[in-house]
Protein backbone atom coordinates (compact mmCIF):
# COMPACT_ATOMS: atom_id res chain seq x y z
CA MET A 1 91.98 121.40 89.57
CA TYR A 2 92.26 117.70 90.35
CA ASP A 3 89.28 115.42 90.77
CA LEU A 4 91.02 113.72 93.68
CA ILE A 5 94.07 114.33 95.83
CA ILE A 6 95.20 111.37 97.93
CA ILE A 7 97.39 112.17 100.91
CA GLY A 8 99.56 109.17 101.74
CA GLY A 9 101.15 106.58 99.49
CA GLY A 10 100.78 103.45 101.61
CA PRO A 11 98.49 100.49 100.81
CA ALA A 12 95.29 102.52 101.31
CA GLY A 13 96.47 105.53 99.31
CA LEU A 14 97.88 103.59 96.38
CA THR A 15 94.81 101.35 96.14
CA ALA A 16 92.61 104.44 96.14
CA GLY A 17 94.78 105.81 93.34
CA ILE A 18 94.41 102.63 91.27
CA TYR A 19 90.63 102.68 91.61
CA ALA A 20 90.43 106.41 90.91
CA VAL A 21 92.41 106.06 87.67
CA ARG A 22 90.17 103.19 86.60
CA TYR A 23 87.20 105.52 87.11
CA GLY A 24 88.84 108.15 84.92
CA MET A 25 89.52 110.61 87.72
CA ASP A 26 92.37 113.13 87.44
CA THR A 27 94.30 112.04 90.51
CA VAL A 28 97.57 112.64 92.34
CA VAL A 29 99.03 110.85 95.35
CA LEU A 30 101.11 113.00 97.71
CA GLU A 31 103.67 111.13 99.82
CA LYS A 32 106.57 112.43 101.89
CA ASN A 33 108.49 109.15 102.23
CA VAL A 34 110.39 107.16 99.59
CA LEU A 35 108.82 103.83 100.60
CA PRO A 36 105.81 104.63 102.80
CA GLY A 37 103.51 102.55 104.91
CA GLN A 38 104.06 100.64 108.16
CA ILE A 39 104.20 97.49 106.08
CA ALA A 40 107.49 98.66 104.57
CA ALA A 41 109.08 98.28 108.01
CA THR A 42 107.79 94.72 108.44
CA ASP A 43 110.32 91.97 107.89
CA MET A 44 107.89 89.35 106.55
CA VAL A 45 104.17 89.36 105.73
CA GLU A 46 102.31 86.05 105.85
CA ASN A 47 98.69 87.17 106.22
CA TYR A 48 98.08 89.09 102.99
CA THR A 49 95.94 87.03 100.63
CA GLY A 50 97.78 85.70 97.60
CA PHE A 51 101.23 85.63 99.18
CA THR A 52 102.30 82.75 101.39
CA ALA A 53 105.22 84.92 102.50
CA ILE A 54 106.59 88.21 101.19
CA SER A 55 108.78 90.84 102.79
CA GLY A 56 107.10 94.09 103.79
CA PRO A 57 109.34 96.28 101.59
CA GLU A 58 108.77 94.02 98.58
CA LEU A 59 104.98 94.06 99.04
CA MET A 60 105.03 97.84 99.32
CA GLN A 61 107.21 98.10 96.21
CA ARG A 62 104.73 95.92 94.30
CA PHE A 63 101.88 98.21 95.34
CA LYS A 64 103.83 101.19 94.07
CA GLU A 65 104.78 99.53 90.78
CA HIS A 66 101.16 98.48 90.18
CA ALA A 67 99.93 102.03 90.80
CA GLU A 68 102.54 103.59 88.52
CA THR A 69 101.88 101.02 85.78
CA VAL A 70 98.19 101.94 85.56
CA GLY A 71 99.00 105.65 85.52
CA VAL A 72 98.73 106.84 89.12
CA LYS A 73 100.73 110.03 89.52
CA ILE A 74 102.81 110.08 92.71
CA GLU A 75 104.48 113.28 93.90
CA SER A 76 106.75 113.96 96.85
CA ALA A 77 105.14 116.47 99.21
CA GLU A 78 104.28 116.95 102.86
CA VAL A 79 100.82 118.33 103.56
CA SER A 80 100.42 120.94 106.29
CA SER A 81 96.70 121.73 106.01
CA ILE A 82 93.51 121.31 104.00
CA ILE A 83 91.06 124.16 103.46
CA SER A 84 87.51 123.49 102.24
CA GLU A 85 86.07 126.52 100.46
CA ASP A 86 83.59 127.26 97.67
CA GLY A 87 83.05 123.58 96.90
CA LYS A 88 86.75 122.84 96.46
CA LYS A 89 89.54 121.57 98.66
CA VAL A 90 92.78 123.50 98.90
CA VAL A 91 95.68 121.28 99.95
CA VAL A 92 98.65 123.21 101.34
CA THR A 93 102.01 121.43 100.99
CA ASP A 94 105.67 122.25 101.52
CA SER A 95 105.99 122.79 97.76
CA GLY A 96 102.88 124.89 97.13
CA THR A 97 99.10 124.56 97.09
CA LEU A 98 96.89 122.24 95.05
CA GLU A 99 93.15 122.30 94.42
CA SER A 100 90.81 119.35 94.14
CA LYS A 101 87.14 118.42 94.16
CA THR A 102 87.76 115.62 96.69
CA VAL A 103 90.48 114.45 99.07
CA ILE A 104 91.30 111.07 100.58
CA ILE A 105 93.40 111.08 103.74
CA ALA A 106 95.47 107.89 103.90
CA THR A 107 98.31 108.98 106.15
CA GLY A 108 98.30 105.86 108.32
CA ALA A 109 99.40 105.59 111.92
CA ASN A 110 102.59 104.69 113.68
CA PRO A 111 103.06 102.82 116.95
CA LYS A 112 104.67 104.78 119.74
CA LYS A 113 108.23 103.66 120.34
CA LEU A 114 109.96 102.76 123.57
CA GLY A 115 112.97 104.85 122.62
CA ILE A 116 115.47 102.47 124.22
CA PRO A 117 118.77 101.08 122.86
CA GLY A 118 118.24 98.12 120.55
CA GLU A 119 114.64 98.91 119.59
CA LYS A 120 115.47 100.50 116.25
CA GLU A 121 118.32 98.09 115.52
CA PHE A 122 116.13 94.99 115.98
CA MET A 123 112.94 96.29 114.39
CA GLY A 124 111.73 93.46 112.18
CA LYS A 125 114.39 91.20 113.71
CA GLY A 126 112.71 90.46 117.00
CA VAL A 127 111.03 93.77 117.77
CA SER A 128 107.44 93.96 116.56
CA TYR A 129 104.33 96.09 117.00
CA CYS A 130 101.80 93.56 115.67
CA ALA A 131 101.18 90.05 116.98
CA THR A 132 98.60 89.37 114.27
CA CYS A 133 101.36 89.98 111.73
CA ASP A 134 104.30 88.28 113.41
CA ALA A 135 103.13 85.72 115.99
CA PRO A 136 103.82 82.67 113.75
CA PHE A 137 107.54 83.53 113.67
CA TYR A 138 107.75 82.87 117.44
CA LYS A 139 106.20 79.42 117.65
CA GLY A 140 107.50 77.64 120.74
CA LYS A 141 109.60 80.66 121.80
CA THR A 142 109.57 83.20 124.63
CA VAL A 143 108.46 86.79 124.12
CA ILE A 144 107.59 89.89 126.11
CA VAL A 145 104.67 92.23 125.55
CA VAL A 146 105.24 95.80 126.75
CA GLY A 147 102.08 97.62 127.83
CA GLY A 148 98.94 97.20 129.89
CA GLY A 149 96.08 98.37 127.70
CA GLU A 150 93.58 96.67 125.39
CA SER A 151 96.03 96.11 122.54
CA ALA A 152 98.73 94.73 124.81
CA LEU A 153 96.47 92.12 126.41
CA THR A 154 94.68 91.24 123.18
CA ASP A 155 97.94 90.51 121.43
CA ALA A 156 99.38 88.74 124.47
CA LEU A 157 96.44 86.34 124.18
CA ILE A 158 97.08 85.88 120.46
CA LEU A 159 100.74 85.15 121.17
CA SER A 160 99.92 82.74 124.00
CA ASN A 161 98.33 80.38 121.48
CA VAL A 162 101.59 80.18 119.53
CA VAL A 163 104.56 80.80 121.81
CA LYS A 164 105.88 78.90 124.81
CA LYS A 165 105.86 81.86 127.23
CA VAL A 166 104.59 85.45 127.27
CA TYR A 167 105.75 88.01 129.80
CA ILE A 168 103.61 91.15 130.02
CA ILE A 169 105.86 94.00 131.15
CA HIS A 170 103.81 96.80 132.71
CA ARG A 171 105.13 99.95 134.34
CA ARG A 172 102.28 100.13 136.86
CA ASP A 173 100.73 97.77 139.41
CA LYS A 174 97.34 97.77 137.69
CA LEU A 175 96.33 97.04 134.09
CA ARG A 176 94.35 99.52 132.01
CA ALA A 177 92.62 96.90 129.84
CA SER A 178 89.01 95.80 130.26
CA ARG A 179 88.11 93.36 133.01
CA ILE A 180 87.18 90.60 130.58
CA LEU A 181 90.61 90.73 128.93
CA GLN A 182 92.32 90.69 132.32
CA GLU A 183 90.31 87.61 133.27
CA ARG A 184 91.24 85.84 130.04
CA VAL A 185 94.91 86.62 130.60
CA SER A 186 94.74 85.32 134.17
CA ARG A 187 93.45 81.98 132.88
CA LYS A 188 96.39 81.51 130.51
CA PRO A 189 99.10 79.41 132.23
CA ASN A 190 101.83 80.62 129.86
CA ILE A 191 101.23 84.34 130.45
CA GLU A 192 103.00 86.03 133.35
CA ILE A 193 102.63 89.70 134.29
CA VAL A 194 105.71 91.55 135.50
CA TRP A 195 104.51 94.58 137.46
CA ASP A 196 106.13 97.99 138.05
CA THR A 197 108.76 97.29 135.42
CA VAL A 198 110.10 98.90 132.26
CA PRO A 199 112.50 97.67 129.56
CA GLU A 200 115.75 99.64 129.37
CA GLU A 201 117.64 97.91 126.57
CA ILE A 202 117.16 95.20 123.95
CA GLN A 203 120.22 93.09 123.26
CA GLY A 204 121.33 90.48 120.76
CA LYS A 205 123.58 89.71 117.82
CA THR A 206 121.57 89.10 114.66
CA GLY A 207 118.26 89.02 116.54
CA VAL A 208 116.77 89.68 119.96
CA GLU A 209 118.31 87.57 122.71
CA ASN A 210 117.91 89.53 125.96
CA VAL A 211 116.00 92.44 127.46
CA ILE A 212 117.32 94.53 130.32
CA LEU A 213 114.49 95.30 132.75
CA ARG A 214 114.25 97.72 135.67
CA ASN A 215 111.78 97.44 138.55
CA LEU A 216 110.56 100.99 139.24
CA LYS A 217 109.90 100.34 142.93
CA THR A 218 112.98 98.40 143.97
CA ARG A 219 115.21 99.92 141.23
CA ASP A 220 116.60 96.41 140.63
CA VAL A 221 117.99 95.80 137.14
CA TYR A 222 118.05 92.32 135.65
CA THR A 223 118.27 90.45 132.34
CA LEU A 224 115.48 88.36 130.83
CA GLN A 225 116.21 85.97 127.96
CA VAL A 226 113.59 86.34 125.22
CA ASP A 227 113.27 85.80 121.49
CA GLY A 228 110.91 88.68 120.73
CA VAL A 229 109.64 92.02 122.00
CA PHE A 230 106.11 93.22 121.18
CA VAL A 231 105.47 96.89 121.95
CA TYR A 232 101.98 98.27 122.75
CA ILE A 233 102.34 101.62 124.44
CA GLY A 234 100.03 103.45 122.05
CA ILE A 235 99.58 104.33 118.41
CA ARG A 236 99.63 107.78 116.84
CA PRO A 237 97.66 108.58 113.64
CA GLY A 238 99.04 111.07 111.13
CA THR A 239 96.03 113.38 111.28
CA GLU A 240 97.30 116.58 112.90
CA PHE A 241 96.98 118.64 109.71
CA ILE A 242 93.25 118.08 109.12
CA ASP A 243 90.37 119.56 111.15
CA VAL A 244 87.63 116.93 110.98
CA LYS A 245 85.85 114.94 113.67
CA LYS A 246 88.17 112.47 115.40
CA ASN A 247 88.04 110.18 118.38
CA SER A 248 89.92 110.93 121.58
CA SER A 249 93.10 109.37 120.18
CA GLY A 250 93.09 111.43 117.00
CA PHE A 251 91.76 108.80 114.60
CA ILE A 252 89.37 110.19 111.99
CA LEU A 253 85.69 109.29 112.31
CA THR A 254 83.98 108.22 109.08
CA ASN A 255 80.64 106.90 107.87
CA GLU A 256 80.12 103.69 105.88
CA LYS A 257 81.32 105.45 102.72
CA LEU A 258 84.46 106.53 104.60
CA GLU A 259 83.42 110.18 104.34
CA THR A 260 84.60 112.44 107.16
CA SER A 261 82.63 115.22 108.83
CA ILE A 262 83.50 117.43 105.83
CA PRO A 263 81.68 116.39 102.61
CA GLY A 264 84.12 115.42 99.89
CA ILE A 265 86.93 114.52 102.29
CA TYR A 266 87.44 110.82 103.00
CA ALA A 267 89.74 108.78 105.22
CA ALA A 268 91.13 105.33 104.50
CA GLY A 269 93.41 102.89 106.30
CA ASP A 270 95.07 103.16 109.67
CA CYS A 271 94.47 106.89 110.12
CA ARG A 272 90.74 106.35 110.64
CA ASP A 273 88.82 104.90 113.57
CA THR A 274 88.80 101.22 112.64
CA SER A 275 88.62 97.85 114.40
CA ILE A 276 91.99 96.50 113.19
CA TRP A 277 95.12 97.97 111.64
CA GLN A 278 96.01 95.57 108.84
CA VAL A 279 97.24 95.95 105.29
CA VAL A 280 94.27 93.98 103.95
CA THR A 281 91.75 96.35 105.55
CA ALA A 282 93.72 99.39 104.43
CA VAL A 283 93.56 98.16 100.84
CA ALA A 284 89.80 97.63 101.14
CA ASP A 285 89.38 101.13 102.60
CA GLY A 286 91.27 102.64 99.67
CA ALA A 287 88.89 101.07 97.19
CA VAL A 288 85.78 102.16 99.11
CA ALA A 289 87.03 105.72 99.56
CA ALA A 290 87.89 106.10 95.87
CA VAL A 291 84.48 104.85 94.75
CA SER A 292 82.79 107.17 97.26
CA ALA A 293 84.82 110.13 95.99
CA HIS A 294 83.79 109.30 92.41
CA GLU A 295 80.12 109.17 93.41
CA TYR A 296 80.49 112.54 95.14
CA ILE A 297 81.93 114.11 92.00
CA MET A 298 79.16 112.62 89.85
CA GLU A 299 76.60 114.24 92.16
CA LEU A 300 78.44 117.57 91.91
CA ASP A 301 78.37 117.42 88.11
CA GLU A 302 74.61 116.83 88.14
CA GLN A 303 73.94 119.95 90.19
């Protein structure tokens, strides 16, 4: 039986593994992807402390190398369920079952995709899902933000302080974001809302150059020249396999120790209900969750 099983090998999971090994815990990280984490799909990272600029894949590779160097065991497996019984956690995977005293869920979250031509091809080359991460790359340029909710307007405001022009492309004639955000957007002279419209294709050579848009009411199709596309049509956490308390969007609810509604099961990083989805907060979560799991085990041993 393991002391700790960590599900997910992104920044949160690997950091949890590093801390767990330092605490002498018998630990394994289960990950289904070769190079996991949303950060691995990011072209360049400029807001992670200690690195002026580093590519997402390189940063993720460094996390992995650090974890392996200190003795974190990483195995390839996809988890289908977790069963809590008789003081232990049974983790069911596609390659068998494992038992542990504690579990950290660090499966992250993924932004919903538009599913249009050019989106996949230009991901990290003009298509982004995070203005906090990528806004500086578009200084003085023109971008579109797709969506009408809180995240879309928040990041449109972030972008408006850097870029020349922001178009908010929204499929309806009314925004879903809070009134205060709508008021802030309305006061920005370089933000323009394009109503009743959806993107149909993203075009370019080595980077984004144009977006094909369709007005859903008039059915008119036209081309808009832009340098970047920021997509905010929702985010989906990887939490389907675990039955703990979650918010309405599926993000796991935790206390200050990052413990879930089941004692001994913790959540770290983007899969939990958190204020921002950033690599730096995921790393912090991993450390907190590992320390909390160690404290839980110490209490078990004293009983």
